[in-house]
PDB file of all heavy atoms in Angstrom:
ATOM      1  N   GLU A   1      -8.947  18.748  -4.671  1.00  0.00           N
ATOM      2  CA  GLU A   1     -10.406  18.671  -5.065  1.00  0.00           C
ATOM      3  C   GLU A   1     -10.527  17.963  -6.438  1.00  0.00           C
ATOM      4  O   GLU A   1     -11.594  17.112  -6.517  1.00  0.00           O
ATOM      5  CB  GLU A   1     -10.970  20.147  -5.239  1.00  0.00           C
ATOM      6  CG  GLU A   1     -11.080  20.867  -3.950  1.00  0.00           C
ATOM      7  CD  GLU A   1     -12.094  22.012  -4.012  1.00  0.00           C
ATOM      8  OE1 GLU A   1     -13.228  21.786  -4.409  1.00  0.00           O
ATOM      9  OE2 GLU A   1     -11.646  23.186  -3.817  1.00  0.00           O
ATOM     10  N   ILE A   2      -9.656  18.197  -7.309  1.00  0.00           N
ATOM     11  CA  ILE A   2      -9.721  17.415  -8.682  1.00  0.00           C
ATOM     12  C   ILE A   2      -9.740  15.937  -8.423  1.00  0.00           C
ATOM     13  O   ILE A   2     -10.419  15.203  -9.045  1.00  0.00           O
ATOM     14  CB  ILE A   2      -8.753  18.025  -9.599  1.00  0.00           C
ATOM     15  CG1 ILE A   2      -9.060  19.414  -9.969  1.00  0.00           C
ATOM     16  CG2 ILE A   2      -8.634  16.981 -10.793  1.00  0.00           C
ATOM     17  CD1 ILE A   2      -7.979  20.047 -10.709  1.00  0.00           C
ATOM     18  N   PHE A   3      -8.836  15.487  -7.484  1.00  0.00           N
ATOM     19  CA  PHE A   3      -8.667  13.987  -7.233  1.00  0.00           C
ATOM     20  C   PHE A   3      -9.540  13.620  -6.170  1.00  0.00           C
ATOM     21  O   PHE A   3      -9.421  12.475  -5.635  1.00  0.00           O
ATOM     22  CB  PHE A   3      -7.263  13.733  -6.936  1.00  0.00           C
ATOM     23  CG  PHE A   3      -6.358  13.598  -8.094  1.00  0.00           C
ATOM     24  CD1 PHE A   3      -5.649  14.785  -8.696  1.00  0.00           C
ATOM     25  CD2 PHE A   3      -6.088  12.417  -8.792  1.00  0.00           C
ATOM     26  CE1 PHE A   3      -4.820  14.650  -9.710  1.00  0.00           C
ATOM     27  CE2 PHE A   3      -5.345  12.309  -9.944  1.00  0.00           C
ATOM     28  CZ  PHE A   3      -4.686  13.472 -10.427  1.00  0.00           C
ATOM     29  N   GLU A   4     -10.592  14.425  -5.732  1.00  0.00           N
ATOM     30  CA  GLU A   4     -11.656  13.972  -4.795  1.00  0.00           C
ATOM     31  C   GLU A   4     -11.029  13.522  -3.487  1.00  0.00           C
ATOM     32  O   GLU A   4     -11.609  12.717  -2.756  1.00  0.00           O
ATOM     33  CB  GLU A   4     -12.445  12.877  -5.489  1.00  0.00           C
ATOM     34  CG  GLU A   4     -13.065  13.224  -6.788  1.00  0.00           C
ATOM     35  CD  GLU A   4     -13.688  12.097  -7.583  1.00  0.00           C
ATOM     36  OE1 GLU A   4     -13.891  10.994  -7.023  1.00  0.00           O
ATOM     37  OE2 GLU A   4     -14.110  12.291  -8.689  1.00  0.00           O
ATOM     38  N   ILE A   5     -10.079  14.201  -3.072  1.00  0.00           N
ATOM     39  CA  ILE A   5      -9.554  13.944  -1.751  1.00  0.00           C
ATOM     40  C   ILE A   5     -10.163  14.767  -0.637  1.00  0.00           C
ATOM     41  O   ILE A   5     -10.444  14.255   0.413  1.00  0.00           O
ATOM     42  CB  ILE A   5      -7.930  14.210  -1.726  1.00  0.00           C
ATOM     43  CG1 ILE A   5      -7.262  13.411  -2.804  1.00  0.00           C
ATOM     44  CG2 ILE A   5      -7.377  13.949  -0.315  1.00  0.00           C
ATOM     45  CD1 ILE A   5      -5.867  13.834  -2.987  1.00  0.00           C
ATOM     46  N   GLY A   6     -10.443  16.010  -0.927  1.00  0.00           N
ATOM     47  CA  GLY A   6     -11.071  17.012   0.051  1.00  0.00           C
ATOM     48  C   GLY A   6     -10.819  18.437  -0.446  1.00  0.00           C
ATOM     49  O   GLY A   6     -10.258  18.601  -1.517  1.00  0.00           O
ATOM     50  N   GLU A   7     -11.227  19.381   0.435  1.00  0.00           N
ATOM     51  CA  GLU A   7     -11.118  20.769  -0.013  1.00  0.00           C
ATOM     52  C   GLU A   7      -9.807  21.300   0.397  1.00  0.00           C
ATOM     53  O   GLU A   7      -9.173  22.262  -0.283  1.00  0.00           O
ATOM     54  CB  GLU A   7     -12.353  21.515   0.479  1.00  0.00           C
ATOM     55  CG  GLU A   7     -13.608  21.323  -0.192  1.00  0.00           C
ATOM     56  CD  GLU A   7     -14.434  20.134   0.500  1.00  0.00           C
ATOM     57  OE1 GLU A   7     -14.360  20.031   1.712  1.00  0.00           O
ATOM     58  OE2 GLU A   7     -14.810  19.319  -0.278  1.00  0.00           O
ATOM     59  N   THR A   8      -9.476  21.014   1.606  1.00  0.00           N
ATOM     60  CA  THR A   8      -8.276  21.621   2.292  1.00  0.00           C
ATOM     61  C   THR A   8      -7.563  20.629   3.125  1.00  0.00           C
ATOM     62  O   THR A   8      -8.136  19.449   3.370  1.00  0.00           O
ATOM     63  CB  THR A   8      -8.407  22.965   2.872  1.00  0.00           C
ATOM     64  OG1 THR A   8      -7.236  23.500   3.205  1.00  0.00           O
ATOM     65  CG2 THR A   8      -9.323  22.875   4.152  1.00  0.00           C
ATOM     66  N   PHE A   9      -6.414  20.979   3.758  1.00  0.00           N
ATOM     67  CA  PHE A   9      -5.649  20.102   4.666  1.00  0.00           C
ATOM     68  C   PHE A   9      -4.972  20.734   5.816  1.00  0.00           C
ATOM     69  O   PHE A   9      -4.835  21.998   5.650  1.00  0.00           O
ATOM     70  CB  PHE A   9      -4.688  19.292   3.846  1.00  0.00           C
ATOM     71  CG  PHE A   9      -3.608  20.034   3.290  1.00  0.00           C
ATOM     72  CD1 PHE A   9      -2.284  19.995   3.897  1.00  0.00           C
ATOM     73  CD2 PHE A   9      -3.759  20.931   2.243  1.00  0.00           C
ATOM     74  CE1 PHE A   9      -1.386  20.771   3.390  1.00  0.00           C
ATOM     75  CE2 PHE A   9      -2.709  21.690   1.724  1.00  0.00           C
ATOM     76  CZ  PHE A   9      -1.453  21.700   2.324  1.00  0.00           C
ATOM     77  N   GLU A  10      -4.643  20.027   6.762  1.00  0.00           N
ATOM     78  CA  GLU A  10      -3.888  20.581   7.862  1.00  0.00           C
ATOM     79  C   GLU A  10      -2.836  19.587   8.389  1.00  0.00           C
ATOM     80  O   GLU A  10      -3.141  18.395   8.512  1.00  0.00           O
ATOM     81  CB  GLU A  10      -4.766  21.007   9.063  1.00  0.00           C
ATOM     82  CG  GLU A  10      -4.137  21.628  10.241  1.00  0.00           C
ATOM     83  CD  GLU A  10      -5.068  21.766  11.474  1.00  0.00           C
ATOM     84  OE1 GLU A  10      -6.287  21.455  11.211  1.00  0.00           O
ATOM     85  OE2 GLU A  10      -4.660  22.243  12.458  1.00  0.00           O
ATOM     86  N   ILE A  11      -1.566  20.022   8.459  1.00  0.00           N
ATOM     87  CA  ILE A  11      -0.493  19.234   8.925  1.00  0.00           C
ATOM     88  C   ILE A  11      -0.229  19.620  10.407  1.00  0.00           C
ATOM     89  O   ILE A  11       0.158  20.739  10.652  1.00  0.00           O
ATOM     90  CB  ILE A  11       0.799  19.353   8.097  1.00  0.00           C
ATOM     91  CG1 ILE A  11       0.488  18.969   6.604  1.00  0.00           C
ATOM     92  CG2 ILE A  11       1.905  18.488   8.595  1.00  0.00           C
ATOM     93  CD1 ILE A  11       1.678  19.144   5.729  1.00  0.00           C
ATOM     94  N   ILE A  12      -0.190  18.686  11.284  1.00  0.00           N
ATOM     95  CA  ILE A  12       0.011  18.812  12.692  1.00  0.00           C
ATOM     96  C   ILE A  12       1.220  18.039  13.104  1.00  0.00           C
ATOM     97  O   ILE A  12       1.297  16.803  12.781  1.00  0.00           O
ATOM     98  CB  ILE A  12      -1.203  18.436  13.460  1.00  0.00           C
ATOM     99  CG1 ILE A  12      -2.494  19.227  13.072  1.00  0.00           C
ATOM    100  CG2 ILE A  12      -0.938  18.775  14.994  1.00  0.00           C
ATOM    101  CD1 ILE A  12      -3.722  18.669  13.688  1.00  0.00           C
ATOM    102  N   ILE A  13       2.282  18.783  13.707  1.00  0.00           N
ATOM    103  CA  ILE A  13       3.434  17.905  14.278  1.00  0.00           C
ATOM    104  C   ILE A  13       3.291  17.554  15.655  1.00  0.00           C
ATOM    105  O   ILE A  13       2.832  18.421  16.383  1.00  0.00           O
ATOM    106  CB  ILE A  13       4.621  18.745  13.944  1.00  0.00           C
ATOM    107  CG1 ILE A  13       5.909  17.836  14.240  1.00  0.00           C
ATOM    108  CG2 ILE A  13       4.755  19.992  14.584  1.00  0.00           C
ATOM    109  CD1 ILE A  13       7.239  18.371  13.593  1.00  0.00           C
ATOM    110  N   HIS A  14       3.623  16.390  16.064  1.00  0.00           N
ATOM    111  CA  HIS A  14       3.452  15.904  17.416  1.00  0.00           C
ATOM    112  C   HIS A  14       4.834  15.701  17.993  1.00  0.00           C
ATOM    113  O   HIS A  14       5.500  14.784  17.611  1.00  0.00           O
ATOM    114  CB  HIS A  14       2.636  14.688  17.558  1.00  0.00           C
ATOM    115  CG  HIS A  14       1.254  14.894  17.194  1.00  0.00           C
ATOM    116  ND1 HIS A  14       0.278  15.306  18.154  1.00  0.00           N
ATOM    117  CD2 HIS A  14       0.587  14.611  16.076  1.00  0.00           C
ATOM    118  CE1 HIS A  14      -0.939  15.454  17.423  1.00  0.00           C
ATOM    119  NE2 HIS A  14      -0.703  14.950  16.170  1.00  0.00           N
ATOM    120  N   ALA A  15       5.273  16.468  19.004  1.00  0.00           N
ATOM    121  CA  ALA A  15       6.500  16.342  19.788  1.00  0.00           C
ATOM    122  C   ALA A  15       7.673  16.221  18.987  1.00  0.00           C
ATOM    123  O   ALA A  15       8.727  15.680  19.323  1.00  0.00           O
ATOM    124  CB  ALA A  15       6.351  15.047  20.727  1.00  0.00           C
ATOM    125  N   GLY A  16       7.677  16.880  17.782  1.00  0.00           N
ATOM    126  CA  GLY A  16       8.831  16.912  16.909  1.00  0.00           C
ATOM    127  C   GLY A  16       9.180  15.460  16.383  1.00  0.00           C
ATOM    128  O   GLY A  16      10.248  15.303  15.761  1.00  0.00           O
ATOM    129  N   GLU A  17       8.308  14.523  16.575  1.00  0.00           N
ATOM    130  CA  GLU A  17       8.449  13.154  16.113  1.00  0.00           C
ATOM    131  C   GLU A  17       7.687  12.660  14.936  1.00  0.00           C
ATOM    132  O   GLU A  17       8.062  11.830  14.178  1.00  0.00           O
ATOM    133  CB  GLU A  17       8.197  12.243  17.305  1.00  0.00           C
ATOM    134  CG  GLU A  17       9.154  12.427  18.517  1.00  0.00           C
ATOM    135  CD  GLU A  17      10.491  11.902  18.276  1.00  0.00           C
ATOM    136  OE1 GLU A  17      10.688  11.052  17.372  1.00  0.00           O
ATOM    137  OE2 GLU A  17      11.537  12.360  19.008  1.00  0.00           O
ATOM    138  N   ALA A  18       6.476  13.103  14.856  1.00  0.00           N
ATOM    139  CA  ALA A  18       5.603  12.594  13.861  1.00  0.00           C
ATOM    140  C   ALA A  18       4.574  13.628  13.320  1.00  0.00           C
ATOM    141  O   ALA A  18       4.300  14.617  14.102  1.00  0.00           O
ATOM    142  CB  ALA A  18       4.859  11.361  14.311  1.00  0.00           C
ATOM    143  N   TYR A  19       4.008  13.413  12.100  1.00  0.00           N
ATOM    144  CA  TYR A  19       3.077  14.340  11.597  1.00  0.00           C
ATOM    145  C   TYR A  19       1.731  13.658  11.489  1.00  0.00           C
ATOM    146  O   TYR A  19       1.637  12.422  11.383  1.00  0.00           O
ATOM    147  CB  TYR A  19       3.416  14.750  10.162  1.00  0.00           C
ATOM    148  CG  TYR A  19       4.708  15.626  10.006  1.00  0.00           C
ATOM    149  CD1 TYR A  19       5.905  14.974   9.685  1.00  0.00           C
ATOM    150  CD2 TYR A  19       4.733  16.893  10.353  1.00  0.00           C
ATOM    151  CE1 TYR A  19       7.069  15.747   9.560  1.00  0.00           C
ATOM    152  CE2 TYR A  19       5.930  17.583  10.338  1.00  0.00           C
ATOM    153  CZ  TYR A  19       7.053  17.065   9.855  1.00  0.00           C
ATOM    154  OH  TYR A  19       8.213  17.734   9.857  1.00  0.00           O
ATOM    155  N   GLU A  20       0.678  14.481  11.712  1.00  0.00           N
ATOM    156  CA  GLU A  20      -0.726  14.109  11.399  1.00  0.00           C
ATOM    157  C   GLU A  20      -1.316  14.884  10.341  1.00  0.00           C
ATOM    158  O   GLU A  20      -1.133  16.162  10.322  1.00  0.00           O
ATOM    159  CB  GLU A  20      -1.504  14.259  12.795  1.00  0.00           C
ATOM    160  CG  GLU A  20      -2.864  13.846  12.629  1.00  0.00           C
ATOM    161  CD  GLU A  20      -3.672  14.111  13.943  1.00  0.00           C
ATOM    162  OE1 GLU A  20      -3.158  14.774  14.765  1.00  0.00           O
ATOM    163  OE2 GLU A  20      -4.740  13.442  14.087  1.00  0.00           O
ATOM    164  N   VAL A  21      -1.926  14.331   9.316  1.00  0.00           N
ATOM    165  CA  VAL A  21      -2.440  15.096   8.272  1.00  0.00           C
ATOM    166  C   VAL A  21      -3.996  14.900   8.416  1.00  0.00           C
ATOM    167  O   VAL A  21      -4.646  13.775   8.329  1.00  0.00           O
ATOM    168  CB  VAL A  21      -2.009  14.637   6.913  1.00  0.00           C
ATOM    169  CG1 VAL A  21      -2.689  15.462   5.822  1.00  0.00           C
ATOM    170  CG2 VAL A  21      -0.428  14.713   6.780  1.00  0.00           C
ATOM    171  N   ILE A  22      -4.690  16.011   8.514  1.00  0.00           N
ATOM    172  CA  ILE A  22      -6.179  16.035   8.575  1.00  0.00           C
ATOM    173  C   ILE A  22      -6.583  16.666   7.310  1.00  0.00           C
ATOM    174  O   ILE A  22      -6.314  17.743   6.829  1.00  0.00           O
ATOM    175  CB  ILE A  22      -6.652  16.972   9.783  1.00  0.00           C
ATOM    176  CG1 ILE A  22      -6.103  16.420  11.087  1.00  0.00           C
ATOM    177  CG2 ILE A  22      -8.121  16.874   9.824  1.00  0.00           C
ATOM    178  CD1 ILE A  22      -6.459  14.924  11.500  1.00  0.00           C
ATOM    179  N   ILE A  23      -7.662  16.019   6.685  1.00  0.00           N
ATOM    180  CA  ILE A  23      -8.373  16.415   5.466  1.00  0.00           C
ATOM    181  C   ILE A  23      -9.667  16.894   5.785  1.00  0.00           C
ATOM    182  O   ILE A  23     -10.427  16.335   6.438  1.00  0.00           O
ATOM    183  CB  ILE A  23      -8.443  15.245   4.367  1.00  0.00           C
ATOM    184  CG1 ILE A  23      -7.076  14.641   4.158  1.00  0.00           C
ATOM    185  CG2 ILE A  23      -9.116  15.774   3.037  1.00  0.00           C
ATOM    186  CD1 ILE A  23      -6.082  15.560   3.439  1.00  0.00           C
ATOM    187  N   ASN A  24      -9.995  18.187   5.235  1.00  0.00           N
ATOM    188  CA  ASN A  24     -11.296  18.694   5.429  1.00  0.00           C
ATOM    189  C   ASN A  24     -12.114  18.302   4.120  1.00  0.00           C
ATOM    190  O   ASN A  24     -11.741  18.753   3.073  1.00  0.00           O
ATOM    191  CB  ASN A  24     -11.285  20.246   5.704  1.00  0.00           C
ATOM    192  CG  ASN A  24     -12.559  20.818   6.109  1.00  0.00           C
ATOM    193  OD1 ASN A  24     -13.609  20.394   5.524  1.00  0.00           O
ATOM    194  ND2 ASN A  24     -12.571  21.699   7.027  1.00  0.00           N
ATOM    195  N   SER A  25     -13.182  17.464   4.320  1.00  0.00           N
ATOM    196  CA  SER A  25     -13.998  17.046   3.271  1.00  0.00           C
ATOM    197  C   SER A  25     -15.431  17.253   3.519  1.00  0.00           C
ATOM    198  O   SER A  25     -16.033  16.585   4.363  1.00  0.00           O
ATOM    199  CB  SER A  25     -13.756  15.462   2.896  1.00  0.00           C
ATOM    200  OG  SER A  25     -14.427  15.130   1.827  1.00  0.00           O
ATOM    201  N   ASN A  26     -16.062  18.205   2.879  1.00  0.00           N
ATOM    202  CA  ASN A  26     -17.429  18.662   3.051  1.00  0.00           C
ATOM    203  C   ASN A  26     -17.822  18.935   4.542  1.00  0.00           C
ATOM    204  O   ASN A  26     -18.812  18.568   5.028  1.00  0.00           O
ATOM    205  CB  ASN A  26     -18.362  17.455   2.436  1.00  0.00           C
ATOM    206  CG  ASN A  26     -18.210  17.254   1.049  1.00  0.00           C
ATOM    207  OD1 ASN A  26     -18.209  18.181   0.234  1.00  0.00           O
ATOM    208  ND2 ASN A  26     -18.140  15.945   0.703  1.00  0.00           N
ATOM    209  N   GLY A  27     -16.835  19.654   5.094  1.00  0.00           N
ATOM    210  CA  GLY A  27     -16.987  20.047   6.573  1.00  0.00           C
ATOM    211  C   GLY A  27     -16.684  19.021   7.617  1.00  0.00           C
ATOM    212  O   GLY A  27     -16.807  19.151   8.732  1.00  0.00           O
ATOM    213  N   ILE A  28     -16.197  17.822   7.144  1.00  0.00           N
ATOM    214  CA  ILE A  28     -15.970  16.741   7.922  1.00  0.00           C
ATOM    215  C   ILE A  28     -14.435  16.635   7.960  1.00  0.00           C
ATOM    216  O   ILE A  28     -13.701  16.536   6.904  1.00  0.00           O
ATOM    217  CB  ILE A  28     -16.570  15.342   7.440  1.00  0.00           C
ATOM    218  CG1 ILE A  28     -18.012  15.474   7.432  1.00  0.00           C
ATOM    219  CG2 ILE A  28     -16.171  14.201   8.419  1.00  0.00           C
ATOM    220  CD1 ILE A  28     -18.779  14.405   6.853  1.00  0.00           C
ATOM    221  N   ARG A  29     -13.801  16.412   9.150  1.00  0.00           N
ATOM    222  CA  ARG A  29     -12.365  16.241   9.404  1.00  0.00           C
ATOM    223  C   ARG A  29     -12.019  14.764   9.341  1.00  0.00           C
ATOM    224  O   ARG A  29     -12.644  14.141  10.275  1.00  0.00           O
ATOM    225  CB  ARG A  29     -11.952  17.001  10.642  1.00  0.00           C
ATOM    226  CG  ARG A  29     -11.939  18.515  10.523  1.00  0.00           C
ATOM    227  CD  ARG A  29     -11.779  19.203  11.845  1.00  0.00           C
ATOM    228  NE  ARG A  29     -10.609  18.883  12.557  1.00  0.00           N
ATOM    229  CZ  ARG A  29      -9.344  19.403  12.326  1.00  0.00           C
ATOM    230  NH1 ARG A  29      -9.216  20.368  11.485  1.00  0.00           N
ATOM    231  NH2 ARG A  29      -8.335  19.031  13.080  1.00  0.00           N
ATOM    232  N   VAL A  30     -11.166  14.391   8.440  1.00  0.00           N
ATOM    233  CA  VAL A  30     -10.837  12.929   8.360  1.00  0.00           C
ATOM    234  C   VAL A  30      -9.306  12.824   8.305  1.00  0.00           C
ATOM    235  O   VAL A  30      -8.613  13.632   7.636  1.00  0.00           O
ATOM    236  CB  VAL A  30     -11.423  12.369   7.067  1.00  0.00           C
ATOM    237  CG1 VAL A  30     -11.062  10.834   6.968  1.00  0.00           C
ATOM    238  CG2 VAL A  30     -12.966  12.574   6.963  1.00  0.00           C
ATOM    239  N   HIS A  31      -8.726  11.822   8.936  1.00  0.00           N
ATOM    240  CA  HIS A  31      -7.354  11.456   8.839  1.00  0.00           C
ATOM    241  C   HIS A  31      -7.053  11.039   7.421  1.00  0.00           C
ATOM    242  O   HIS A  31      -7.744  10.340   6.788  1.00  0.00           O
ATOM    243  CB  HIS A  31      -6.942  10.335   9.724  1.00  0.00           C
ATOM    244  CG  HIS A  31      -6.798  10.669  11.256  1.00  0.00           C
ATOM    245  ND1 HIS A  31      -5.843  11.530  11.678  1.00  0.00           N
ATOM    246  CD2 HIS A  31      -7.611  10.397  12.338  1.00  0.00           C
ATOM    247  CE1 HIS A  31      -6.018  11.775  13.062  1.00  0.00           C
ATOM    248  NE2 HIS A  31      -7.064  11.037  13.395  1.00  0.00           N
ATOM    249  N   LEU A  32      -5.885  11.527   6.872  1.00  0.00           N
ATOM    250  CA  LEU A  32      -5.557  11.157   5.515  1.00  0.00           C
ATOM    251  C   LEU A  32      -5.517   9.677   5.315  1.00  0.00           C
ATOM    252  O   LEU A  32      -5.822   9.088   4.359  1.00  0.00           O
ATOM    253  CB  LEU A  32      -4.257  11.713   5.233  1.00  0.00           C
ATOM    254  CG  LEU A  32      -3.565  11.410   3.827  1.00  0.00           C
ATOM    255  CD1 LEU A  32      -4.576  11.663   2.656  1.00  0.00           C
ATOM    256  CD2 LEU A  32      -2.228  11.970   3.599  1.00  0.00           C
ATOM    257  N   ALA A  33      -4.990   8.930   6.486  1.00  0.00           N
ATOM    258  CA  ALA A  33      -4.745   7.512   6.294  1.00  0.00           C
ATOM    259  C   ALA A  33      -6.144   6.750   6.157  1.00  0.00           C
ATOM    260  O   ALA A  33      -6.258   5.550   5.759  1.00  0.00           O
ATOM    261  CB  ALA A  33      -4.163   6.979   7.528  1.00  0.00           C
ATOM    262  N   ASP A  34      -7.251   7.547   6.509  1.00  0.00           N
ATOM    263  CA  ASP A  34      -8.607   6.836   6.475  1.00  0.00           C
ATOM    264  C   ASP A  34      -9.297   7.180   5.112  1.00  0.00           C
ATOM    265  O   ASP A  34     -10.313   6.869   4.960  1.00  0.00           O
ATOM    266  CB  ASP A  34      -9.526   7.420   7.631  1.00  0.00           C
ATOM    267  CG  ASP A  34      -8.989   6.928   8.954  1.00  0.00           C
ATOM    268  OD1 ASP A  34      -8.213   5.911   8.988  1.00  0.00           O
ATOM    269  OD2 ASP A  34      -9.328   7.694   9.920  1.00  0.00           O
ATOM    270  N   LYS A  35      -8.621   7.767   4.279  1.00  0.00           N
ATOM    271  CA  LYS A  35      -9.170   8.229   2.900  1.00  0.00           C
ATOM    272  C   LYS A  35      -9.149   7.165   1.969  1.00  0.00           C
ATOM    273  O   LYS A  35      -9.688   7.317   0.681  1.00  0.00           O
ATOM    274  CB  LYS A  35      -8.577   9.596   2.447  1.00  0.00           C
ATOM    275  CG  LYS A  35      -8.852  10.717   3.289  1.00  0.00           C
ATOM    276  CD  LYS A  35     -10.384  11.186   3.125  1.00  0.00           C
ATOM    277  CE  LYS A  35     -10.630  11.615   1.787  1.00  0.00           C
ATOM    278  NZ  LYS A  35     -12.065  12.139   1.661  1.00  0.00           N
ATOM    279  N   GLY A  36      -8.286   6.102   2.123  1.00  0.00           N
ATOM    280  CA  GLY A  36      -8.234   5.097   1.072  1.00  0.00           C
ATOM    281  C   GLY A  36      -6.931   5.139   0.314  1.00  0.00           C
ATOM    282  O   GLY A  36      -6.360   6.239   0.275  1.00  0.00           O
ATOM    283  N   MET A  37      -6.555   4.158  -0.315  1.00  0.00           N
ATOM    284  CA  MET A  37      -5.231   4.035  -0.941  1.00  0.00           C
ATOM    285  C   MET A  37      -5.098   4.989  -2.125  1.00  0.00           C
ATOM    286  O   MET A  37      -4.017   5.549  -2.375  1.00  0.00           O
ATOM    287  CB  MET A  37      -4.836   2.658  -1.272  1.00  0.00           C
ATOM    288  CG  MET A  37      -4.545   1.723  -0.058  1.00  0.00           C
ATOM    289  SD  MET A  37      -3.288   2.226   0.925  1.00  0.00           S
ATOM    290  CE  MET A  37      -1.796   2.112  -0.221  1.00  0.00           C
ATOM    291  N   GLY A  38      -6.242   5.172  -2.827  1.00  0.00           N
ATOM    292  CA  GLY A  38      -6.102   6.065  -4.001  1.00  0.00           C
ATOM    293  C   GLY A  38      -5.884   7.512  -3.580  1.00  0.00           C
ATOM    294  O   GLY A  38      -5.009   8.179  -4.069  1.00  0.00           O
TER     295      GLY A  38
END
């Protein structure tokens, strides 16, 4: 929250091969990769 990324997060693992990180920002679910380099 302090760094303006979002309120909370969720880590989802797919087939034991890769992770997906979802950011909850103002009720909107966004991929971490779509949040910008900062």
